[in-house]
N, C-alpha and C. Protein backbone atom coordinates (compact mmCIF):
# COMPACT_ATOMS: atom_id res chain seq x y z
N MET A 1 99.84 159.95 244.02
CA MET A 1 99.24 160.42 243.50
C MET A 1 97.72 160.21 243.91
N SER A 2 96.65 161.48 243.85
CA SER A 2 95.30 160.93 244.56
C SER A 2 94.35 161.26 243.64
N ILE A 3 93.36 160.25 243.53
CA ILE A 3 92.53 160.50 242.87
C ILE A 3 91.00 161.36 243.58
N ASP A 4 91.02 162.69 242.99
CA ASP A 4 90.44 163.46 243.50
C ASP A 4 89.03 163.69 242.65
N GLN A 5 87.81 163.43 243.21
CA GLN A 5 85.98 163.86 242.85
C GLN A 5 86.07 165.16 242.30
N THR A 6 85.40 165.41 241.32
CA THR A 6 85.29 166.52 240.45
C THR A 6 83.62 166.97 241.57
N SER A 7 83.77 168.49 241.67
CA SER A 7 82.54 169.01 242.44
C SER A 7 81.06 168.75 242.07
N GLN A 8 81.38 168.43 241.27
CA GLN A 8 79.83 167.99 240.63
C GLN A 8 79.31 166.37 240.53
N PRO A 9 77.96 165.91 241.15
CA PRO A 9 78.34 164.58 241.30
C PRO A 9 78.12 163.85 239.61
N VAL A 10 78.81 162.74 239.87
CA VAL A 10 79.29 161.74 238.33
C VAL A 10 78.47 160.58 238.56
N LYS A 11 77.36 160.46 237.10
CA LYS A 11 76.95 158.90 237.25
C LYS A 11 77.74 158.19 237.22
N PRO A 12 77.80 156.86 237.87
CA PRO A 12 78.82 155.82 238.15
C PRO A 12 78.74 155.20 236.82
N LEU A 13 80.39 154.95 236.14
CA LEU A 13 80.71 154.46 234.73
C LEU A 13 80.71 153.03 235.11
N ARG A 14 79.45 152.58 234.64
CA ARG A 14 79.21 150.66 234.63
C ARG A 14 80.51 149.97 233.81
N ILE A 15 81.34 149.26 234.65
CA ILE A 15 82.60 148.69 234.12
C ILE A 15 82.87 147.07 234.18
N ALA A 16 83.22 146.52 232.96
CA ALA A 16 83.28 144.94 233.29
C ALA A 16 84.89 144.73 233.25
N VAL A 17 85.34 143.81 233.78
CA VAL A 17 86.80 143.58 233.63
C VAL A 17 87.00 142.62 233.31
N LEU A 18 87.79 142.32 231.98
CA LEU A 18 88.30 141.37 231.67
C LEU A 18 89.65 140.73 232.52
N VAL A 19 90.32 139.55 233.13
CA VAL A 19 91.28 139.34 233.83
C VAL A 19 91.64 137.85 233.30
N SER A 20 93.11 137.99 233.76
CA SER A 20 93.60 136.07 233.50
C SER A 20 94.09 135.99 234.64
N GLY A 21 95.09 136.49 235.58
CA GLY A 21 95.73 136.40 236.83
C GLY A 21 95.57 136.70 237.65
N SER A 22 96.57 137.60 238.51
CA SER A 22 96.14 137.58 239.99
C SER A 22 95.23 138.90 240.34
N GLY A 23 95.24 139.88 239.57
CA GLY A 23 93.97 141.15 239.62
C GLY A 23 94.17 141.86 240.65
N SER A 24 95.67 142.41 240.71
CA SER A 24 96.21 143.43 241.65
C SER A 24 95.20 144.80 240.87
N ASN A 25 95.21 144.90 239.71
CA ASN A 25 94.48 146.27 239.38
C ASN A 25 93.00 145.98 239.15
N LEU A 26 92.72 144.90 239.16
CA LEU A 26 91.17 144.89 239.51
C LEU A 26 91.08 144.89 241.17
N GLN A 27 91.77 144.55 241.58
CA GLN A 27 91.62 145.06 243.31
C GLN A 27 91.77 146.57 243.69
N VAL A 28 92.43 147.29 243.01
CA VAL A 28 92.49 148.48 243.16
C VAL A 28 91.64 149.12 242.66
N LEU A 29 90.59 149.11 241.45
CA LEU A 29 89.76 149.44 241.26
C LEU A 29 88.21 148.92 241.96
N ILE A 30 88.65 147.72 243.01
CA ILE A 30 87.13 147.33 243.62
C ILE A 30 87.52 148.12 245.27
N ASP A 31 88.66 148.31 245.30
CA ASP A 31 88.94 149.73 246.44
C ASP A 31 88.62 150.81 246.53
N ALA A 32 88.63 151.28 245.20
CA ALA A 32 88.49 152.62 245.08
C ALA A 32 86.62 152.75 245.04
N MET A 33 86.15 151.85 244.09
CA MET A 33 85.05 151.63 243.97
C MET A 33 84.27 151.66 245.50
N GLN A 34 84.93 150.74 246.05
CA GLN A 34 83.88 150.71 247.44
C GLN A 34 84.61 151.83 248.52
N ALA A 35 85.51 152.71 248.06
CA ALA A 35 85.81 153.91 249.22
C ALA A 35 84.65 154.99 248.50
N GLY A 36 84.42 154.96 247.68
CA GLY A 36 83.79 156.52 247.16
C GLY A 36 84.52 157.00 246.31
N ALA A 37 85.94 156.31 246.14
CA ALA A 37 87.20 157.45 245.48
C ALA A 37 87.13 157.48 244.00
N LEU A 38 86.20 156.55 243.47
CA LEU A 38 85.85 156.61 241.91
C LEU A 38 84.67 156.03 241.71
N PRO A 39 84.09 156.73 240.29
CA PRO A 39 82.51 157.08 240.32
C PRO A 39 82.33 155.65 239.33
N ILE A 40 82.58 155.03 239.95
CA ILE A 40 82.62 152.93 238.97
C ILE A 40 81.54 152.24 239.83
N GLU A 41 80.89 151.46 238.71
CA GLU A 41 80.32 150.05 239.19
C GLU A 41 80.78 149.22 238.71
N ILE A 42 81.32 148.42 239.51
CA ILE A 42 81.91 147.24 238.52
C ILE A 42 80.82 145.83 238.37
N VAL A 43 80.41 146.28 237.32
CA VAL A 43 79.18 145.40 237.22
C VAL A 43 79.77 143.39 236.80
N GLY A 44 81.00 143.45 236.77
CA GLY A 44 80.38 141.83 236.20
C GLY A 44 82.29 141.65 235.96
N VAL A 45 82.99 140.70 236.33
CA VAL A 45 84.17 140.37 235.89
C VAL A 45 84.34 138.76 234.84
N ILE A 46 85.38 139.07 233.79
CA ILE A 46 85.22 137.45 233.13
C ILE A 46 86.80 137.52 233.07
N SER A 47 86.75 136.08 233.35
CA SER A 47 88.26 135.37 233.17
C SER A 47 88.03 134.16 232.43
N ASN A 48 89.67 134.28 232.00
CA ASN A 48 89.53 133.06 230.90
C ASN A 48 90.64 132.23 231.67
N ARG A 49 90.32 132.24 232.85
CA ARG A 49 91.31 130.96 234.15
C ARG A 49 90.47 130.67 235.11
N ASP A 50 90.37 129.51 235.44
CA ASP A 50 89.80 129.55 236.45
C ASP A 50 90.47 129.08 237.49
N ASP A 51 91.87 129.47 237.63
CA ASP A 51 92.25 129.48 238.60
C ASP A 51 93.33 131.20 238.98
N ALA A 52 92.64 131.79 238.57
CA ALA A 52 93.12 133.37 238.44
C ALA A 52 92.70 134.00 239.80
N TYR A 53 93.62 134.50 240.55
CA TYR A 53 93.06 134.81 241.62
C TYR A 53 92.33 136.14 241.78
N ALA A 54 92.40 136.79 240.62
CA ALA A 54 90.93 137.71 240.33
C ALA A 54 90.05 137.39 240.16
N VAL A 55 89.74 135.88 239.92
CA VAL A 55 88.19 135.25 240.52
C VAL A 55 87.48 135.74 242.09
N THR A 56 88.90 135.00 242.59
CA THR A 56 88.46 134.91 244.12
C THR A 56 88.34 136.55 244.80
N ARG A 57 89.21 137.69 244.02
CA ARG A 57 88.83 138.97 244.57
C ARG A 57 87.11 139.93 244.29
N ALA A 58 87.51 139.16 242.84
CA ALA A 58 86.14 139.60 242.68
C ALA A 58 84.53 139.11 243.76
N LYS A 59 84.79 137.87 243.46
CA LYS A 59 83.71 137.11 244.54
C LYS A 59 83.76 137.70 245.75
N ASP A 60 85.00 137.64 246.66
CA ASP A 60 85.12 138.34 247.69
C ASP A 60 84.03 139.98 247.99
N ALA A 61 84.46 140.53 246.88
CA ALA A 61 83.71 141.82 246.81
C ALA A 61 82.34 141.30 246.55
N GLY A 62 81.74 140.48 246.13
CA GLY A 62 80.27 140.32 245.67
C GLY A 62 80.29 140.54 244.21
N ILE A 63 81.09 140.78 243.49
CA ILE A 63 80.80 141.07 242.20
C ILE A 63 80.60 139.52 241.00
N GLU A 64 79.51 139.76 240.46
CA GLU A 64 79.73 138.79 239.53
C GLU A 64 80.43 138.80 238.77
N VAL A 65 80.85 137.20 238.49
CA VAL A 65 81.89 136.39 237.72
C VAL A 65 81.20 135.54 236.69
N ALA A 66 82.38 135.18 235.60
CA ALA A 66 81.95 134.34 234.49
C ALA A 66 83.31 133.93 234.07
N VAL A 67 83.53 132.78 234.51
CA VAL A 67 85.02 131.96 234.21
C VAL A 67 84.56 131.12 233.08
N LEU A 68 85.35 131.48 232.05
CA LEU A 68 85.51 130.93 230.71
C LEU A 68 86.76 130.25 230.42
N SER A 69 87.18 129.40 231.18
CA SER A 69 88.54 128.45 230.54
C SER A 69 88.31 127.31 229.98
N HIS A 70 87.28 126.69 230.33
CA HIS A 70 87.19 125.28 229.91
C HIS A 70 86.04 124.65 229.04
N VAL A 71 85.54 124.06 228.17
CA VAL A 71 84.01 123.53 227.94
C VAL A 71 83.94 122.36 228.84
N GLU A 72 82.41 121.86 228.68
CA GLU A 72 82.09 120.85 229.69
C GLU A 72 82.79 119.66 229.50
N SER A 73 83.60 119.13 228.29
CA SER A 73 84.04 118.19 228.31
C SER A 73 85.58 118.33 229.08
N GLY A 74 86.12 119.65 229.62
CA GLY A 74 87.37 119.62 230.31
C GLY A 74 88.33 119.79 229.37
N LYS A 75 88.10 120.48 227.82
CA LYS A 75 89.01 120.99 227.04
C LYS A 75 89.00 122.29 227.65
N ARG A 76 90.27 122.72 227.22
CA ARG A 76 90.38 124.30 227.09
C ARG A 76 89.43 124.57 225.93
N MET A 77 88.91 125.89 226.60
CA MET A 77 88.30 126.79 225.80
C MET A 77 88.97 127.68 224.54
N GLY A 78 88.75 127.44 223.37
CA GLY A 78 89.21 127.61 222.05
C GLY A 78 88.51 129.20 222.31
N ILE A 79 89.41 130.23 221.34
CA ILE A 79 89.33 131.31 221.44
C ILE A 79 87.87 131.79 220.86
N LYS A 80 87.21 131.47 219.89
CA LYS A 80 86.29 131.26 219.48
C LYS A 80 85.04 131.19 220.20
N THR A 81 85.26 130.11 220.87
CA THR A 81 84.17 129.52 221.86
C THR A 81 84.04 130.80 223.24
N PHE A 82 85.21 131.36 223.68
CA PHE A 82 85.31 131.88 224.38
C PHE A 82 84.86 133.34 224.55
N GLU A 83 84.66 134.07 223.02
CA GLU A 83 84.13 135.23 222.75
C GLU A 83 82.69 134.99 222.35
N LYS A 84 82.34 133.86 221.93
CA LYS A 84 80.89 133.83 222.13
C LYS A 84 80.18 134.00 223.16
N HIS A 85 81.17 133.16 223.91
CA HIS A 85 80.31 133.40 225.62
C HIS A 85 80.53 135.19 226.40
N ALA A 86 81.74 135.20 225.82
CA ALA A 86 82.24 137.03 226.45
C ALA A 86 81.27 137.80 225.75
N THR A 87 80.70 137.64 224.24
CA THR A 87 79.95 138.85 224.17
C THR A 87 78.78 138.32 224.40
N ALA A 88 78.10 137.48 224.99
CA ALA A 88 77.05 137.24 225.37
C ALA A 88 77.08 137.80 226.90
N GLN A 89 77.88 137.43 227.90
CA GLN A 89 77.79 138.08 228.81
C GLN A 89 77.68 139.18 229.12
N LEU A 90 78.96 139.75 228.08
CA LEU A 90 78.80 141.33 228.17
C LEU A 90 77.50 142.09 227.66
N GLU A 91 76.76 141.22 226.83
CA GLU A 91 75.16 141.99 226.42
C GLU A 91 74.74 142.12 227.40
N ALA A 92 74.69 140.98 228.78
CA ALA A 92 73.66 141.02 229.41
C ALA A 92 73.86 141.73 230.61
N TRP A 93 75.18 142.43 230.79
CA TRP A 93 75.57 143.14 231.71
C TRP A 93 75.19 144.53 231.35
N GLN A 94 75.54 144.66 229.83
CA GLN A 94 75.65 146.18 229.29
C GLN A 94 76.45 147.00 230.02
N PRO A 95 77.75 147.49 230.09
CA PRO A 95 78.52 148.03 230.39
C PRO A 95 78.62 149.37 229.98
N ASP A 96 79.50 150.19 230.09
CA ASP A 96 79.66 151.75 229.44
C ASP A 96 80.99 151.51 229.22
N LEU A 97 81.71 150.68 229.41
CA LEU A 97 83.48 150.74 229.49
C LEU A 97 83.67 149.10 229.98
N VAL A 98 84.74 148.66 228.78
CA VAL A 98 85.21 147.14 229.32
C VAL A 98 87.11 147.12 229.34
N VAL A 99 87.22 146.98 230.50
CA VAL A 99 88.54 147.03 230.89
C VAL A 99 89.55 146.04 231.04
N LEU A 100 90.47 145.53 230.04
CA LEU A 100 91.30 144.62 229.94
C LEU A 100 92.39 144.82 231.08
N ALA A 101 92.78 144.17 232.12
CA ALA A 101 93.71 144.20 233.30
C ALA A 101 94.23 143.00 233.37
N GLY A 102 95.30 142.77 232.56
CA GLY A 102 96.24 141.83 233.07
C GLY A 102 95.24 140.23 232.07
N PHE A 103 94.97 140.73 230.99
CA PHE A 103 93.85 139.74 230.14
C PHE A 103 95.07 139.29 228.97
N MET A 104 94.96 138.04 228.98
CA MET A 104 96.29 137.52 228.36
C MET A 104 95.80 136.63 227.03
N ARG A 105 94.84 136.87 226.46
CA ARG A 105 94.13 136.50 225.14
C ARG A 105 94.05 137.22 224.21
N VAL A 106 94.72 137.21 222.97
CA VAL A 106 94.25 138.00 222.02
C VAL A 106 92.88 137.95 221.10
N LEU A 107 92.36 139.32 221.18
CA LEU A 107 90.88 139.37 220.98
C LEU A 107 90.69 139.43 219.49
N SER A 108 89.92 138.47 219.29
CA SER A 108 89.24 139.19 217.30
C SER A 108 88.75 140.35 216.94
N ALA A 109 88.97 140.75 215.95
CA ALA A 109 88.46 142.32 215.43
C ALA A 109 86.83 142.01 215.72
N ASP A 110 86.21 140.67 215.10
CA ASP A 110 84.67 140.84 215.28
C ASP A 110 84.06 141.03 216.90
N PHE A 111 85.06 140.57 217.85
CA PHE A 111 84.69 140.48 218.81
C PHE A 111 84.65 142.19 219.69
N ILE A 112 86.02 142.39 219.25
CA ILE A 112 86.18 143.95 219.46
C ILE A 112 85.39 144.96 218.62
N ASP A 113 84.96 144.63 217.29
CA ASP A 113 83.85 145.71 216.84
C ASP A 113 82.48 145.23 217.52
N ASN A 114 82.25 144.37 217.93
CA ASN A 114 81.06 144.34 217.97
C ASN A 114 80.84 144.26 219.98
N ALA A 115 81.39 144.41 220.47
CA ALA A 115 81.47 144.87 221.71
C ALA A 115 80.15 145.81 222.32
N PRO A 116 79.55 145.82 223.08
CA PRO A 116 78.45 146.66 223.54
C PRO A 116 79.14 147.90 224.05
N ALA A 117 80.54 148.16 224.64
CA ALA A 117 81.04 148.90 225.10
C ALA A 117 82.29 149.48 224.36
N PRO A 118 82.89 150.72 224.41
CA PRO A 118 84.82 150.43 223.82
C PRO A 118 85.49 149.71 225.21
N MET A 119 86.89 149.67 224.57
CA MET A 119 87.65 148.63 225.39
C MET A 119 88.66 149.32 225.97
N ILE A 120 89.30 149.13 226.63
CA ILE A 120 90.61 149.90 227.07
C ILE A 120 91.55 148.82 227.73
N ASN A 121 92.92 148.94 227.30
CA ASN A 121 93.94 147.79 227.87
C ASN A 121 94.82 148.36 228.60
N LEU A 122 95.65 147.98 229.58
CA LEU A 122 96.53 148.19 230.38
C LEU A 122 97.81 147.46 229.72
N HIS A 123 99.31 148.69 229.15
CA HIS A 123 100.04 147.73 228.81
C HIS A 123 101.48 148.10 229.12
N PRO A 124 102.14 147.20 229.78
CA PRO A 124 103.28 147.41 230.43
C PRO A 124 104.65 147.90 229.67
N SER A 125 104.52 149.21 228.85
CA SER A 125 105.42 149.89 228.11
C SER A 125 104.90 151.08 227.82
N LEU A 126 105.95 152.01 227.57
CA LEU A 126 105.61 153.28 226.55
C LEU A 126 105.06 153.24 225.51
N LEU A 127 103.88 152.74 224.93
CA LEU A 127 103.84 152.48 223.66
C LEU A 127 104.07 153.92 222.86
N PRO A 128 103.74 153.58 221.62
CA PRO A 128 104.17 152.54 220.84
C PRO A 128 105.09 151.78 220.81
N ALA A 129 106.20 152.13 221.68
CA ALA A 129 107.52 151.29 221.84
C ALA A 129 106.76 149.75 222.67
N TYR A 130 107.67 149.02 222.08
CA TYR A 130 107.33 147.79 222.64
C TYR A 130 106.00 147.32 223.42
N LYS A 131 105.40 146.94 222.24
CA LYS A 131 104.49 146.05 221.83
C LYS A 131 104.35 144.55 222.33
N GLY A 132 103.41 144.01 222.61
CA GLY A 132 103.74 142.39 223.24
C GLY A 132 104.07 142.00 224.51
N LEU A 133 104.71 140.91 224.24
CA LEU A 133 105.37 140.41 225.81
C LEU A 133 106.66 140.64 226.45
N ASP A 134 106.97 140.44 227.20
CA ASP A 134 108.09 140.55 228.05
C ASP A 134 108.99 141.79 227.70
N THR A 135 108.02 143.32 228.00
CA THR A 135 108.66 144.28 227.91
C THR A 135 109.53 144.38 228.63
N HIS A 136 109.74 144.54 229.97
CA HIS A 136 110.62 144.78 230.77
C HIS A 136 111.97 144.16 230.58
N THR A 137 112.20 143.35 230.18
CA THR A 137 113.25 142.35 229.67
C THR A 137 113.92 143.27 228.45
N ARG A 138 112.98 143.64 226.95
CA ARG A 138 113.35 143.98 226.16
C ARG A 138 113.91 145.62 226.71
N VAL A 139 113.31 146.27 227.46
CA VAL A 139 113.79 147.74 227.62
C VAL A 139 115.12 147.48 228.11
N LEU A 140 115.34 146.92 229.17
CA LEU A 140 116.75 146.63 229.62
C LEU A 140 117.59 146.45 228.94
N CYS A 141 117.43 145.09 228.05
CA CYS A 141 118.32 144.79 227.03
C CYS A 141 118.45 146.15 225.80
N SER A 142 117.66 147.00 225.66
CA SER A 142 117.99 148.03 225.07
C SER A 142 118.53 149.27 225.12
N GLY A 143 118.73 149.05 226.73
CA GLY A 143 119.25 150.18 226.68
C GLY A 143 118.24 151.58 227.49
N GLU A 144 117.13 151.36 227.32
CA GLU A 144 116.51 152.63 227.46
C GLU A 144 116.75 153.38 228.65
N ARG A 145 116.25 154.59 228.56
CA ARG A 145 116.79 155.50 230.25
C ARG A 145 115.18 155.24 230.68
N GLU A 146 113.93 155.41 229.92
CA GLU A 146 112.77 155.44 231.03
C GLU A 146 111.55 154.16 230.25
N HIS A 147 110.82 153.89 231.66
CA HIS A 147 109.98 152.72 230.73
C HIS A 147 108.50 152.96 231.52
N GLY A 148 107.72 152.78 231.20
CA GLY A 148 106.46 152.94 231.81
C GLY A 148 105.28 151.87 231.73
N CYS A 149 104.04 152.44 231.78
CA CYS A 149 103.13 151.40 231.52
C CYS A 149 101.95 152.79 230.70
N SER A 150 100.95 152.14 229.84
CA SER A 150 100.40 152.99 228.48
C SER A 150 99.03 152.08 228.88
N ILE A 151 97.84 152.95 228.38
CA ILE A 151 96.59 152.64 228.58
C ILE A 151 96.12 153.02 226.74
N HIS A 152 95.42 152.26 226.53
CA HIS A 152 95.20 152.52 225.30
C HIS A 152 93.57 151.66 224.71
N VAL A 153 93.45 151.98 224.05
CA VAL A 153 91.64 151.82 223.06
C VAL A 153 92.29 150.46 222.31
N VAL A 154 91.26 149.76 222.98
CA VAL A 154 91.77 148.23 221.70
C VAL A 154 91.01 148.34 220.76
N THR A 155 92.17 147.60 219.63
CA THR A 155 91.91 147.98 218.23
C THR A 155 92.01 146.29 218.31
N ALA A 156 92.12 145.98 216.70
CA ALA A 156 92.38 144.91 216.07
C ALA A 156 93.58 144.41 215.99
N GLU A 157 94.37 145.67 215.71
CA GLU A 157 95.88 145.78 215.64
C GLU A 157 96.49 145.39 217.19
N LEU A 158 97.33 144.36 217.76
CA LEU A 158 97.89 144.20 218.70
C LEU A 158 98.48 145.45 219.52
N ASP A 159 98.09 146.14 220.47
CA ASP A 159 98.37 147.05 221.43
C ASP A 159 98.58 148.45 220.37
N ALA A 160 98.00 148.55 219.55
CA ALA A 160 97.98 149.59 218.88
C ALA A 160 96.60 150.85 218.55
N GLY A 161 95.83 150.90 219.48
CA GLY A 161 94.92 151.79 219.28
C GLY A 161 95.30 152.87 220.09
N GLN A 162 94.59 153.82 219.96
CA GLN A 162 94.94 155.30 220.53
C GLN A 162 95.36 155.36 221.89
N VAL A 163 96.30 155.46 221.90
CA VAL A 163 97.24 155.73 223.78
C VAL A 163 96.21 157.12 224.33
N LEU A 164 95.63 156.61 225.61
CA LEU A 164 95.32 157.64 226.21
C LEU A 164 95.66 158.37 227.44
N SER A 165 96.91 157.53 228.08
CA SER A 165 97.78 158.05 228.94
C SER A 165 98.76 156.84 229.69
N GLN A 166 99.70 157.74 229.82
CA GLN A 166 100.65 156.86 230.01
C GLN A 166 101.73 157.53 231.62
N ALA A 167 102.39 156.64 232.29
CA ALA A 167 102.83 156.84 233.40
C ALA A 167 104.43 156.30 233.21
N VAL A 168 105.16 157.16 233.77
CA VAL A 168 106.70 157.11 233.25
C VAL A 168 107.76 157.18 234.79
N LEU A 169 108.69 156.35 234.47
CA LEU A 169 109.69 156.40 235.50
C LEU A 169 111.37 156.09 234.78
N PRO A 170 112.32 156.60 235.26
CA PRO A 170 113.66 156.49 235.32
C PRO A 170 114.30 155.07 235.22
N ILE A 171 114.90 154.45 234.39
CA ILE A 171 115.28 153.34 234.48
C ILE A 171 116.56 153.11 235.79
N ARG A 172 116.29 152.52 236.95
CA ARG A 172 118.02 152.33 237.83
C ARG A 172 118.93 151.57 236.90
N HIS A 173 120.45 151.70 237.33
CA HIS A 173 121.30 150.73 236.83
C HIS A 173 120.61 149.79 237.48
N THR A 174 120.46 149.24 238.49
CA THR A 174 120.49 148.31 239.36
C THR A 174 118.98 147.33 239.24
N ASP A 175 118.37 147.94 238.06
CA ASP A 175 117.15 147.44 237.91
C ASP A 175 117.46 145.94 237.35
N THR A 176 116.31 144.82 237.39
CA THR A 176 116.24 143.65 236.96
C THR A 176 115.13 143.71 236.26
N PRO A 177 115.04 142.41 235.33
CA PRO A 177 113.38 142.60 234.74
C PRO A 177 112.15 142.27 235.87
N ASP A 178 112.82 141.60 236.99
CA ASP A 178 111.81 141.21 238.41
C ASP A 178 111.56 142.76 238.89
N SER A 179 112.73 143.40 239.39
CA SER A 179 112.41 144.66 239.90
C SER A 179 111.87 146.11 239.02
N LEU A 180 112.20 145.91 237.87
CA LEU A 180 111.55 146.77 236.99
C LEU A 180 109.85 146.28 237.20
N GLN A 181 109.53 145.20 236.91
CA GLN A 181 108.35 145.30 236.86
C GLN A 181 107.60 145.53 237.74
N LYS A 182 107.67 145.00 239.08
CA LYS A 182 107.10 145.81 240.19
C LYS A 182 107.29 146.95 240.44
N ARG A 183 108.03 147.83 240.14
CA ARG A 183 108.42 149.27 239.82
C ARG A 183 107.16 149.83 239.24
N VAL A 184 107.05 148.95 237.69
CA VAL A 184 105.91 149.76 237.12
C VAL A 184 104.96 149.30 237.34
N GLN A 185 104.45 147.80 238.05
CA GLN A 185 103.20 147.83 238.86
C GLN A 185 102.56 148.57 239.62
N VAL A 186 103.25 149.18 240.33
CA VAL A 186 103.17 150.61 241.15
C VAL A 186 102.42 151.76 240.56
N LEU A 187 102.89 151.96 239.05
CA LEU A 187 102.57 153.11 238.56
C LEU A 187 100.93 152.66 238.07
N GLU A 188 100.69 151.04 237.18
CA GLU A 188 99.54 150.65 237.09
C GLU A 188 98.65 150.71 237.77
N HIS A 189 98.76 150.83 238.97
CA HIS A 189 97.70 151.02 240.08
C HIS A 189 97.75 152.51 240.12
N GLN A 190 98.17 153.15 239.85
CA GLN A 190 97.52 154.74 239.77
C GLN A 190 97.43 155.10 238.71
N LEU A 191 97.80 154.73 237.62
CA LEU A 191 97.09 155.10 236.26
C LEU A 191 96.19 154.41 235.77
N LEU A 192 95.74 153.54 236.30
CA LEU A 192 94.36 152.91 235.64
C LEU A 192 93.10 153.05 236.35
N PRO A 193 92.98 154.03 237.62
CA PRO A 193 92.11 154.40 238.42
C PRO A 193 92.16 155.82 237.80
N TRP A 194 93.01 156.52 237.87
CA TRP A 194 92.98 158.06 237.45
C TRP A 194 92.75 158.08 235.70
N THR A 195 92.88 157.26 234.74
CA THR A 195 92.48 157.11 233.83
C THR A 195 90.86 157.16 233.61
N ILE A 196 90.30 155.72 234.18
CA ILE A 196 89.11 155.70 234.07
C ILE A 196 88.11 156.92 234.82
N LEU A 197 88.63 157.68 236.10
CA LEU A 197 88.19 158.87 236.34
C LEU A 197 88.19 160.15 235.12
N GLN A 198 89.01 160.22 234.50
CA GLN A 198 89.23 160.96 233.35
C GLN A 198 88.09 160.68 232.57
N ILE A 199 87.75 159.60 232.16
CA ILE A 199 86.84 158.85 231.12
C ILE A 199 85.21 159.21 231.67
N ALA A 200 85.20 159.19 233.22
CA ALA A 200 84.04 159.39 233.88
C ALA A 200 83.75 160.56 234.03
N ILE A 201 84.51 161.49 234.07
CA ILE A 201 83.98 162.55 233.92
C ILE A 201 84.37 164.18 232.65
N GLY A 202 84.80 162.85 231.45
CA GLY A 202 84.78 163.46 230.27
C GLY A 202 85.98 164.41 230.23
N GLY A 203 86.72 164.16 231.23
CA GLY A 203 87.92 164.48 230.78
C GLY A 203 89.12 163.83 229.60
N VAL A 204 88.51 162.89 229.37
CA VAL A 204 89.00 162.04 228.12
C VAL A 204 87.96 161.13 227.16
N SER A 205 88.00 161.80 226.02
CA SER A 205 87.12 161.09 224.94
C SER A 205 87.84 159.56 224.32
N LEU A 206 87.31 158.44 224.28
CA LEU A 206 87.29 157.43 223.28
C LEU A 206 87.10 157.42 222.06
N THR A 207 86.56 158.59 221.61
CA THR A 207 85.92 158.69 220.41
C THR A 207 87.28 159.90 219.64
N PRO A 208 87.96 159.09 218.75
CA PRO A 208 88.76 160.21 217.76
C PRO A 208 88.49 161.33 216.99
N SER A 209 86.99 161.44 216.56
CA SER A 209 86.36 162.75 216.26
C SER A 209 86.07 163.60 217.20
N GLU A 210 85.45 163.35 218.23
CA GLU A 210 85.62 164.11 219.41
C GLU A 210 86.93 165.04 220.06
N GLN A 211 87.71 164.10 219.82
CA GLN A 211 89.49 164.24 220.69
C GLN A 211 89.56 165.35 219.81
N ALA A 212 89.55 164.94 218.34
CA ALA A 212 90.51 166.17 217.46
C ALA A 212 89.29 167.55 217.39
N SER A 213 88.36 166.93 217.55
CA SER A 213 87.13 168.69 217.37
C SER A 213 86.88 169.04 218.92
N SER A 214 87.30 168.93 219.86
CA SER A 214 86.73 169.15 221.22
C SER A 214 88.08 169.84 221.99
N ILE A 215 88.21 170.62 223.01
CA ILE A 215 89.04 171.38 223.92
C ILE A 215 89.71 170.36 224.78
N LEU A 216 89.32 169.19 224.67
CA LEU A 216 89.98 168.19 225.36
C LEU A 216 91.43 168.34 225.11
N PRO A 217 92.37 168.08 226.12
CA PRO A 217 93.79 167.88 226.00
C PRO A 217 94.23 166.61 224.87
N ALA A 218 95.19 166.77 224.15
CA ALA A 218 96.29 166.61 223.89
C ALA A 218 96.37 165.01 224.18
N LEU A 219 96.63 164.13 223.49
CA LEU A 219 96.69 162.60 224.48
C LEU A 219 98.08 161.82 223.71
N PRO A 220 98.86 161.38 224.63
CA PRO A 220 98.07 160.76 225.69
C PRO A 220 98.68 161.76 226.85
N LEU A 221 98.03 161.73 227.88
CA LEU A 221 98.19 161.74 229.09
C LEU A 221 99.15 161.55 229.98
N ARG A 222 100.28 162.22 229.98
CA ARG A 222 101.73 161.86 230.41
C ARG A 222 101.68 162.12 232.20
N LEU A 223 102.16 160.99 233.10
CA LEU A 223 102.25 161.14 234.47
C LEU A 223 103.91 161.22 234.35
N LEU A 224 104.36 161.86 235.17
CA LEU A 224 105.87 161.44 235.65
C LEU A 224 105.62 161.06 237.43
N ILE A 225 106.25 159.84 237.09
CA ILE A 225 106.13 159.17 238.55
C ILE A 225 107.21 158.31 238.98
N ASP A 226 108.16 158.98 239.91
CA ASP A 226 109.28 157.92 240.05
C ASP A 226 108.79 156.96 241.06
N ALA A 227 108.70 156.12 240.80
CA ALA A 227 108.35 154.49 241.67
C ALA A 227 109.68 153.86 241.92
């Protein structure tokens, strides 16, 4: 699947990304931004882990990074302290969109509601099925025939916000949790930039009232990809 620019110039969408791990989805966004294939400006990256490779990816790309993992005493930062510093950082950056890409902490309703921009999250299942962790193992144990990933609006209820888009693949009889994770990650690397493009060009609304009353397509947008 390719990401096609619209014929009309699109103002770059200012994006802040929250990460916890290797940052492969962050790298996809960085590559698309640098290639001019996606109308975004990644204004900053927040990591709750100081050993996350995503931090290295962001720094190598010249993107500002805030690592909020430990307090000065060396103790691991609690969620309230994290949210206080993350809120201040987001307010300083003033993004148009906050993207949770492999971010592994549960955020409070106050943090989400007071964020300076809407938040979206990438989740490795076909929501509303299989919220939470260990989705690949749970899907295989349940005997499902399809699996995939979803991008949804972040709300106070875990993995329960409006689903914007999904990418789907058939489960193979030879799949293991590890092989399924790798196949779904291929979908993630296509679905995330494609969905952000739709947001940037107005093809997807993050506002429920607009979604209900406009000529925008019904959500979720579903992509069938055999990875």
